């Protein structure tokens, strides 16, 4: 039934008048039966005298599997359900319960009673094995989804790593090119020094082969003076030291790049020195910072921390680069570390203009960035937040307009053990 308001000369106030719905809209008994025949749940309709009036195919199958007698042979309501179920249904209109059978068969049963038209019982049965099958299938699909999600997260993390290195590629190339350049120059000087030394050695050999070696001393002295052997003897050790330092510089940058870009699949949890990770990260990005940054380091005493080193290095790099970009033409970045109870913290503060309050609420959202188009992906801080959360830590942000920003990364010294 439904009601509507309508104007009527006898009812000017427009009171509610009921109308009978269109008979064509009411499903027929045949339609309801056709729908129940498609149900996976068993549906049975009994009269008040326990006489079976209707059963759908699923009900026939369940009763045939679980009961000694099937519905076709006259399975009564009292044989189908416990007596207390019928009593409770008559009293309250419904009963719910589970019926156990052999071979782990359990039926979840809902019994409803309506006393109109002489009284009828409606029984709805469901095989719990089927529910368990659906649950297992759902768990399997959930596990597959987790695997795909984890793989996607790994790809996103690796892509962001490579994007970060790509943004720093010019600076890293410059940092590598400088030592390579003076090592190459030193090798040219070394080649000239060797020619001079070989010439001096040849002069000594001639003197040794002559009848009067002492007579050759003036010639040897002239050769030493002409080739400036005294300068070579002073410059050669310095040249070799510079060259060695240059090669070590290149080796260190390449090693740091390799550690930074390592995939998560190639890395395991290990105890590492956080300060070494900070220095490694600063070594990679220094060319990005050195032109506008005064760097202050205040390192405390830290124990070895259980972590994924390359992922933490990416967090440090993202925060440091953001701090450097916030400085503008010139400013200060302070890197400070400390140890409190069973946690360590790394604080990176800048003297930039600060982050507006409305932006602070969104800085860890994926793809949110205050940088111009093309200057950032908006994933750096979001990925950093995820990495720190993965380490069971947190990132605290304190920023005031005109006073700069401070990011404190708090990490447990040891990762919590999973519950048994």
Protein backbone atom coordinates (compact mmCIF):
# COMPACT_ATOMS: atom_id res chain seq x y z
CA UNK A 1 0.00 0.00 0.00
CA UNK A 2 1.12 3.54 -0.55
CA UNK A 3 -0.37 6.96 0.17
CA UNK A 4 -0.43 10.25 -1.70
CA UNK A 5 -1.82 13.74 -1.17
CA UNK A 6 -4.44 14.87 -3.65
CA UNK A 7 -6.95 17.71 -3.85
CA UNK A 8 -10.58 16.65 -3.49
CA UNK A 9 -13.72 18.83 -3.23
CA UNK A 10 -14.79 16.79 -0.25
CA UNK A 11 -11.31 16.92 1.22
CA UNK A 12 -9.94 20.44 0.57
CA UNK A 13 -7.14 20.07 3.12
CA UNK A 14 -5.52 17.37 1.03
CA UNK A 15 -5.51 14.54 3.58
CA UNK A 16 -3.73 11.24 2.93
CA UNK A 17 -5.69 8.90 0.71
CA UNK A 18 -4.57 5.31 0.19
CA UNK A 19 -4.63 3.60 -3.13
CA UNK A 20 -4.09 0.00 -4.14
CA UNK A 21 -0.93 -0.57 -6.18
CA UNK A 22 -1.27 -1.63 -9.77
CA UNK A 23 -1.77 -5.41 -9.89
CA UNK A 24 0.69 -5.65 -12.80
CA UNK A 25 3.47 -4.52 -10.45
CA UNK A 26 2.91 -7.27 -7.87
CA UNK A 27 5.10 -10.34 -8.65
CA UNK A 28 3.08 -13.44 -9.35
CA UNK A 29 3.50 -16.68 -7.45
CA UNK A 30 5.15 -18.14 -10.54
CA UNK A 31 7.70 -15.29 -10.60
CA UNK A 32 8.54 -15.71 -6.92
CA UNK A 33 8.89 -19.47 -7.40
CA UNK A 34 11.09 -18.99 -10.47
CA UNK A 35 13.38 -16.68 -8.49
CA UNK A 36 13.61 -19.04 -5.49
CA UNK A 37 14.43 -21.90 -7.87
CA UNK A 38 17.59 -20.00 -8.80
CA UNK A 39 18.69 -19.48 -5.17
CA UNK A 40 21.68 -21.34 -3.77
CA UNK A 41 19.97 -21.36 -0.37
CA UNK A 42 17.35 -24.01 0.30
CA UNK A 43 13.81 -22.57 0.65
CA UNK A 44 10.95 -24.64 2.06
CA UNK A 45 7.35 -23.65 2.83
CA UNK A 46 5.34 -25.75 5.30
CA UNK A 47 1.79 -25.39 6.47
CA UNK A 48 0.85 -25.19 10.13
CA UNK A 49 0.12 -28.95 9.98
CA UNK A 50 3.80 -29.58 8.97
CA UNK A 51 2.73 -30.47 5.44
CA UNK A 52 5.30 -29.49 2.81
CA UNK A 53 3.86 -27.00 0.34
CA UNK A 54 6.96 -25.99 -1.64
CA UNK A 55 10.70 -26.67 -1.79
CA UNK A 56 13.19 -25.27 -4.28
CA UNK A 57 15.88 -27.42 -5.96
CA UNK A 58 18.61 -26.34 -3.47
CA UNK A 59 16.43 -27.50 -0.56
CA UNK A 60 15.95 -30.92 -2.21
CA UNK A 61 19.71 -31.26 -2.70
CA UNK A 62 20.59 -30.27 0.87
CA UNK A 63 17.99 -32.54 2.46
CA UNK A 64 18.98 -35.45 0.21
CA UNK A 65 22.61 -35.06 1.34
CA UNK A 66 22.03 -34.47 5.06
CA UNK A 67 18.88 -36.38 6.08
CA UNK A 68 18.05 -40.10 6.02
CA UNK A 69 14.85 -39.32 4.14
CA UNK A 70 14.48 -36.84 1.34
CA UNK A 71 11.64 -34.41 0.77
CA UNK A 72 10.07 -36.56 -1.89
CA UNK A 73 9.51 -39.34 0.65
CA UNK A 74 7.68 -37.01 3.00
CA UNK A 75 10.26 -35.33 5.29
CA UNK A 76 8.11 -33.49 7.85
CA UNK A 77 8.96 -30.23 9.59
CA UNK A 78 9.41 -32.08 12.91
CA UNK A 79 11.92 -34.40 11.24
CA UNK A 80 13.65 -31.45 9.59
CA UNK A 81 14.15 -29.26 12.68
CA UNK A 82 14.38 -29.67 16.47
CA UNK A 83 11.15 -29.41 18.41
CA UNK A 84 12.30 -26.35 20.37
CA UNK A 85 12.82 -24.55 17.05
CA UNK A 86 9.15 -24.93 16.20
CA UNK A 87 8.08 -23.87 19.69
CA UNK A 88 10.24 -20.75 19.61
CA UNK A 89 9.12 -19.85 16.07
CA UNK A 90 5.46 -20.11 17.07
CA UNK A 91 6.14 -17.92 20.13
CA UNK A 92 8.38 -15.21 18.64
CA UNK A 93 7.92 -15.60 14.90
CA UNK A 94 11.48 -16.73 14.15
CA UNK A 95 14.30 -19.12 15.08
CA UNK A 96 17.93 -19.28 13.97
CA UNK A 97 20.34 -22.12 14.52
CA UNK A 98 22.93 -24.55 13.16
CA UNK A 99 22.37 -28.22 12.44
CA UNK A 100 25.40 -30.53 12.32
CA UNK A 101 25.61 -33.71 10.24
CA UNK A 102 28.31 -36.19 9.37
CA UNK A 103 31.31 -35.40 7.17
CA UNK A 104 31.59 -31.82 8.51
CA UNK A 105 28.24 -30.86 7.00
CA UNK A 106 26.66 -27.95 8.89
CA UNK A 107 23.48 -26.21 7.87
CA UNK A 108 22.67 -22.68 9.00
CA UNK A 109 18.86 -22.56 9.29
CA UNK A 110 16.44 -19.64 9.62
CA UNK A 111 12.86 -20.52 10.52
CA UNK A 112 10.03 -17.99 10.25
CA UNK A 113 6.37 -18.42 11.28
CA UNK A 114 3.35 -16.41 10.22
CA UNK A 115 -0.05 -17.26 11.72
CA UNK A 116 -2.14 -15.57 9.02
CA UNK A 117 -4.23 -17.76 6.74
CA UNK A 118 -4.01 -20.71 9.09
CA UNK A 119 -0.28 -20.38 9.74
CA UNK A 120 2.81 -21.12 7.61
CA UNK A 121 6.48 -21.94 8.29
CA UNK A 122 9.25 -20.64 6.01
CA UNK A 123 12.61 -22.42 6.25
CA UNK A 124 15.79 -21.01 4.70
CA UNK A 125 18.85 -23.31 4.72
CA UNK A 126 22.46 -22.54 3.82
CA UNK A 127 25.39 -24.95 3.65
CA UNK A 128 28.25 -23.51 5.73
CA UNK A 129 30.75 -25.41 3.59
CA UNK A 130 29.66 -23.21 0.73
CA UNK A 131 30.21 -20.13 2.91
CA UNK A 132 33.67 -21.42 3.86
CA UNK A 133 34.40 -21.97 0.18
CA UNK A 134 33.42 -18.38 -0.57
CA UNK A 135 35.53 -17.17 2.36
CA UNK A 136 38.54 -19.16 1.17
CA UNK A 137 38.07 -17.84 -2.34
CA UNK A 138 37.80 -14.31 -0.94
CA UNK A 139 40.97 -14.81 1.10
CA UNK A 140 42.75 -16.14 -1.97
CA UNK A 141 41.67 -13.16 -4.01
CA UNK A 142 42.66 -10.85 -1.15
CA UNK A 143 46.11 -12.49 -1.00
CA UNK A 144 46.51 -12.10 -4.76
CA UNK A 145 45.49 -8.46 -4.48
CA UNK A 146 48.01 -7.92 -1.68
CA UNK A 147 50.75 -9.47 -3.81
CA UNK A 148 49.86 -7.19 -6.71
CA UNK A 149 49.63 -4.18 -4.42
CA UNK A 150 53.02 -4.98 -2.88
CA UNK A 151 54.54 -5.36 -6.34
CA UNK A 152 52.99 -2.06 -7.42
CA UNK A 153 54.33 -0.35 -4.29
CA UNK A 154 57.80 -1.75 -4.97
CA UNK A 155 57.66 -0.50 -8.56
CA UNK A 156 56.45 2.91 -7.41
CA UNK A 157 59.20 3.10 -4.78
CA UNK A 158 61.86 2.09 -7.29
CA UNK A 159 60.47 4.53 -9.87
CA UNK A 160 60.61 7.36 -7.35
CA UNK A 161 64.19 6.40 -6.48
CA UNK A 162 65.19 6.51 -10.14
CA UNK A 163 63.27 9.76 -10.63
CA UNK A 164 65.14 11.28 -7.70
CA UNK A 165 68.46 10.14 -9.13
CA UNK A 166 67.38 11.44 -12.53
CA UNK A 167 66.71 14.88 -11.05
CA UNK A 168 70.18 14.81 -9.50
CA UNK A 169 71.90 13.28 -12.52
CA UNK A 170 73.52 16.52 -13.69
CA UNK A 171 74.85 17.26 -10.22
CA UNK A 172 76.09 13.71 -9.72
CA UNK A 173 77.76 13.81 -13.14
CA UNK A 174 79.45 17.06 -12.13
CA UNK A 175 80.63 15.56 -8.85
CA UNK A 176 82.11 12.60 -10.73
CA UNK A 177 83.50 14.70 -13.58
CA UNK A 178 85.56 16.96 -11.28
CA UNK A 179 87.78 14.24 -9.78
CA UNK A 180 87.96 12.44 -13.12
CA UNK A 181 89.14 15.72 -14.68
CA UNK A 182 92.04 16.34 -12.34
CA UNK A 183 93.03 12.66 -12.28
CA UNK A 184 93.25 12.87 -16.07
CA UNK A 185 95.33 16.05 -15.80
CA UNK A 186 97.59 14.47 -13.19
CA UNK A 187 98.16 11.46 -15.45
CA UNK A 188 99.37 13.87 -18.16
CA UNK A 189 101.78 15.48 -15.69
CA UNK A 190 102.87 12.05 -14.48
CA UNK A 191 103.67 11.06 -18.06
CA UNK A 192 105.93 14.14 -18.45
CA UNK A 193 107.58 13.43 -15.08
CA UNK A 194 108.33 9.89 -16.15
CA UNK A 195 109.98 11.11 -19.35
CA UNK A 196 112.16 13.42 -17.28
CA UNK A 197 113.05 10.71 -14.79
CA UNK A 198 113.87 8.28 -17.57
CA UNK A 199 116.11 10.93 -19.18
CA UNK A 200 117.93 11.42 -15.85
CA UNK A 201 118.31 7.65 -15.44
CA UNK A 202 119.76 7.48 -18.96
CA UNK A 203 122.29 10.20 -18.05
CA UNK A 204 123.37 8.20 -14.98
CA UNK A 205 123.74 5.06 -17.10
CA UNK A 206 125.98 6.89 -19.55
CA UNK A 207 128.12 8.12 -16.66
CA UNK A 208 128.45 4.61 -15.30
CA UNK A 209 129.51 3.27 -18.69
CA UNK A 210 132.12 6.03 -19.26
CA UNK A 211 135.82 5.61 -18.39
CA UNK A 212 135.72 8.53 -15.97
CA UNK A 213 132.29 8.77 -14.27
CA UNK A 214 133.32 11.84 -12.31
CA UNK A 215 133.80 13.75 -15.52
CA UNK A 216 130.09 13.19 -16.26
CA UNK A 217 128.91 14.88 -13.05
CA UNK A 218 128.51 18.35 -14.68
CA UNK A 219 126.40 16.82 -17.45
CA UNK A 220 124.21 15.05 -14.88
CA UNK A 221 123.80 18.25 -12.89
CA UNK A 222 122.80 20.12 -16.04
CA UNK A 223 120.24 17.38 -16.84
CA UNK A 224 118.78 17.55 -13.32
CA UNK A 225 118.52 21.33 -13.58
CA UNK A 226 117.05 21.29 -17.08
CA UNK A 227 114.43 18.67 -16.17
CA UNK A 228 113.70 20.34 -12.82
CA UNK A 229 114.04 17.04 -10.97
CA UNK A 230 113.85 18.76 -7.59
CA UNK A 231 110.36 20.08 -8.41
CA UNK A 232 109.31 16.65 -9.71
CA UNK A 233 110.45 14.97 -6.48
CA UNK A 234 108.31 17.39 -4.48
CA UNK A 235 105.26 17.39 -6.74
CA UNK A 236 105.06 13.71 -7.59
CA UNK A 237 103.86 12.47 -4.13
CA UNK A 238 101.24 15.24 -4.01
CA UNK A 239 100.09 14.38 -7.52
CA UNK A 240 99.68 10.71 -6.61
CA UNK A 241 97.80 11.60 -3.40
CA UNK A 242 95.37 13.86 -5.29
CA UNK A 243 94.78 11.21 -7.91
CA UNK A 244 94.08 8.55 -5.29
CA UNK A 245 91.64 10.88 -3.51
CA UNK A 246 89.87 11.58 -6.80
CA UNK A 247 89.47 7.90 -7.60
CA UNK A 248 88.20 7.23 -4.08
CA UNK A 249 85.73 10.09 -4.48
CA UNK A 250 84.35 8.57 -7.68
CA UNK A 251 84.24 5.11 -6.09
CA UNK A 252 82.33 6.45 -3.11
CA UNK A 253 79.76 8.25 -5.27
CA UNK A 254 79.21 5.17 -7.44
CA UNK A 255 78.88 2.96 -4.35
CA UNK A 256 76.39 5.36 -2.76
CA UNK A 257 74.37 5.48 -5.98
CA UNK A 258 74.35 1.70 -6.13
CA UNK A 259 73.20 1.41 -2.50
CA UNK A 260 70.56 4.08 -3.00
CA UNK A 261 69.07 2.60 -6.15
CA UNK A 262 69.06 -0.99 -4.87
CA UNK A 263 65.65 -2.65 -5.14
CA UNK A 264 63.83 -3.62 -1.96
CA UNK A 265 63.86 -7.26 -3.07
CA UNK A 266 67.67 -7.23 -2.90
CA UNK A 267 67.76 -5.89 0.63
CA UNK A 268 67.02 -7.36 4.04
CA UNK A 269 66.60 -5.91 7.49
CA UNK A 270 69.97 -5.27 9.07
CA UNK A 271 71.68 -3.29 11.81
CA UNK A 272 73.28 -0.19 10.31
CA UNK A 273 74.91 3.08 11.29
CA UNK A 274 72.37 5.86 10.63
CA UNK A 275 75.17 8.44 10.40
CA UNK A 276 76.80 6.45 7.58
CA UNK A 277 73.49 6.53 5.70
CA UNK A 278 73.20 10.31 6.20
CA UNK A 279 76.75 10.87 4.98
CA UNK A 280 76.17 8.61 1.99
CA UNK A 281 73.01 10.54 1.08
CA UNK A 282 74.69 13.93 1.53
CA UNK A 283 77.52 12.72 -0.68
CA UNK A 284 75.05 12.01 -3.50
CA UNK A 285 73.05 15.23 -3.26
CA UNK A 286 75.75 17.67 -2.17
CA UNK A 287 76.06 19.25 -5.60
CA UNK A 288 72.33 20.06 -5.35
CA UNK A 289 72.82 21.80 -2.00
CA UNK A 290 76.29 23.32 -1.94
CA UNK A 291 75.51 26.48 -3.93
CA UNK A 292 72.83 27.81 -1.58
CA UNK A 293 73.24 25.84 1.65
CA UNK A 294 75.24 26.21 4.81
CA UNK A 295 75.19 22.74 6.34
CA UNK A 296 75.32 22.24 10.11
CA UNK A 297 75.71 18.73 11.51
CA UNK A 298 75.10 17.91 15.15
CA UNK A 299 75.39 14.17 15.45
CA UNK A 300 74.67 12.45 18.73
CA UNK A 301 75.70 8.97 19.79
CA UNK A 302 73.42 6.39 18.17
CA UNK A 303 73.26 2.61 18.50
CA UNK A 304 73.01 0.45 15.37
CA UNK A 305 69.43 0.61 14.08
CA UNK A 306 67.53 -2.28 12.51
CA UNK A 307 66.22 -1.02 9.17
CA UNK A 308 66.23 -1.26 5.38
CA UNK A 309 69.19 1.08 4.69
CA UNK A 310 68.50 2.10 1.10
CA UNK A 311 64.87 2.94 1.90
CA UNK A 312 65.86 5.11 4.86
CA UNK A 313 68.46 6.82 2.67
CA UNK A 314 65.68 7.71 0.27
CA UNK A 315 63.72 9.28 3.14
CA UNK A 316 66.78 11.34 4.11
CA UNK A 317 67.31 12.39 0.50
CA UNK A 318 63.70 13.45 -0.05
CA UNK A 319 63.62 15.56 3.10
CA UNK A 320 67.07 17.09 2.48
CA UNK A 321 66.26 18.03 -1.12
CA UNK A 322 62.96 19.58 -0.04
CA UNK A 323 64.82 21.56 2.62
CA UNK A 324 67.38 22.76 0.07
CA UNK A 325 64.72 23.81 -2.40
CA UNK A 326 62.89 25.70 0.36
CA UNK A 327 65.94 27.88 1.10
CA UNK A 328 65.79 29.95 -2.06
CA UNK A 329 69.03 31.83 -2.77
CA UNK A 330 70.76 31.12 0.53
CA UNK A 331 70.03 29.49 3.88
CA UNK A 332 70.97 26.93 6.50
CA UNK A 333 70.13 23.26 6.86
CA UNK A 334 70.73 21.65 10.24
CA UNK A 335 71.00 17.87 10.52
CA UNK A 336 70.79 16.63 14.09
CA UNK A 337 70.50 13.15 15.58
CA UNK A 338 69.74 11.79 19.03
CA UNK A 339 68.80 8.72 21.04
CA UNK A 340 65.94 8.46 23.54
CA UNK A 341 65.10 5.17 25.29
CA UNK A 342 64.50 2.57 22.56
CA UNK A 343 64.15 5.11 19.73
CA UNK A 344 66.52 7.24 17.67
CA UNK A 345 65.61 10.42 15.83
CA UNK A 346 66.98 12.33 12.86
CA UNK A 347 65.97 15.98 12.61
CA UNK A 348 66.37 17.99 9.41
CA UNK A 349 65.56 21.69 9.80
CA UNK A 350 65.79 24.53 7.28
CA UNK A 351 65.70 28.30 7.53
CA UNK A 352 63.26 28.67 4.64
CA UNK A 353 59.94 30.53 4.56
CA UNK A 354 57.97 27.73 6.24
CA UNK A 355 54.93 25.73 5.12
CA UNK A 356 51.46 27.34 5.17
CA UNK A 357 49.10 25.73 7.71
CA UNK A 358 46.64 24.64 5.01
CA UNK A 359 49.44 22.82 3.15
CA UNK A 360 50.80 21.10 6.27
CA UNK A 361 47.68 18.95 6.38
CA UNK A 362 48.39 17.60 2.89
CA UNK A 363 52.18 17.39 2.54
CA UNK A 364 52.12 13.60 2.92
CA UNK A 365 49.27 13.12 0.41
CA UNK A 366 50.30 11.39 -2.83
CA UNK A 367 50.91 13.79 -5.74
CA UNK A 368 50.47 16.90 -3.57
CA UNK A 369 53.20 19.43 -4.22
CA UNK A 370 53.70 23.16 -3.83
CA UNK A 371 56.48 23.17 -6.43
CA UNK A 372 56.03 24.46 -9.98
CA UNK A 373 55.00 22.02 -12.69
CA UNK A 374 57.92 19.82 -13.67
CA UNK A 375 59.83 20.40 -10.43
CA UNK A 376 58.47 17.48 -8.46
CA UNK A 377 56.24 14.41 -8.63
CA UNK A 378 54.47 15.00 -5.31
CA UNK A 379 55.43 11.47 -4.23
CA UNK A 380 58.61 12.15 -2.24
CA UNK A 381 57.10 12.86 1.17
CA UNK A 382 54.25 10.40 0.61
CA UNK A 383 56.69 7.56 -0.07
CA UNK A 384 58.88 8.73 2.83
CA UNK A 385 55.88 8.59 5.16
CA UNK A 386 55.14 5.04 4.00
CA UNK A 387 58.75 3.92 4.48
CA UNK A 388 58.92 5.34 8.01
CA UNK A 389 55.55 3.73 8.86
CA UNK A 390 56.91 0.44 7.53
CA UNK A 391 59.77 0.84 10.03
CA UNK A 392 57.17 1.36 12.82
CA UNK A 393 58.29 4.97 13.18
CA UNK A 394 56.80 8.38 12.56
CA UNK A 395 57.59 11.77 11.00
CA UNK A 396 56.84 14.87 13.08
CA UNK A 397 56.55 18.20 11.28
CA UNK A 398 56.90 21.63 12.87
CA UNK A 399 56.75 24.62 10.53
CA UNK A 400 56.06 28.30 11.06
CA UNK A 401 55.76 30.96 8.41
CA UNK A 402 58.95 32.99 8.25
CA UNK A 403 60.83 30.67 10.64
CA UNK A 404 61.48 27.56 8.54
CA UNK A 405 60.47 23.92 8.86
CA UNK A 406 61.64 21.00 10.98
CA UNK A 407 61.12 17.34 10.08
CA UNK A 408 61.90 14.83 12.82
CA UNK A 409 62.11 11.16 11.81
CA UNK A 410 61.67 8.88 14.83
CA UNK A 411 62.61 5.20 14.47
CA UNK A 412 62.73 2.23 16.86
CA UNK A 413 66.20 0.81 17.49
CA UNK A 414 64.83 -2.71 16.97
CA UNK A 415 61.80 -3.72 14.95
CA UNK A 416 58.95 -5.21 17.01
CA UNK A 417 58.68 -8.98 16.79
CA UNK A 418 55.47 -10.33 15.24
CA UNK A 419 53.02 -11.88 17.67
CA UNK A 420 53.10 -15.67 17.90
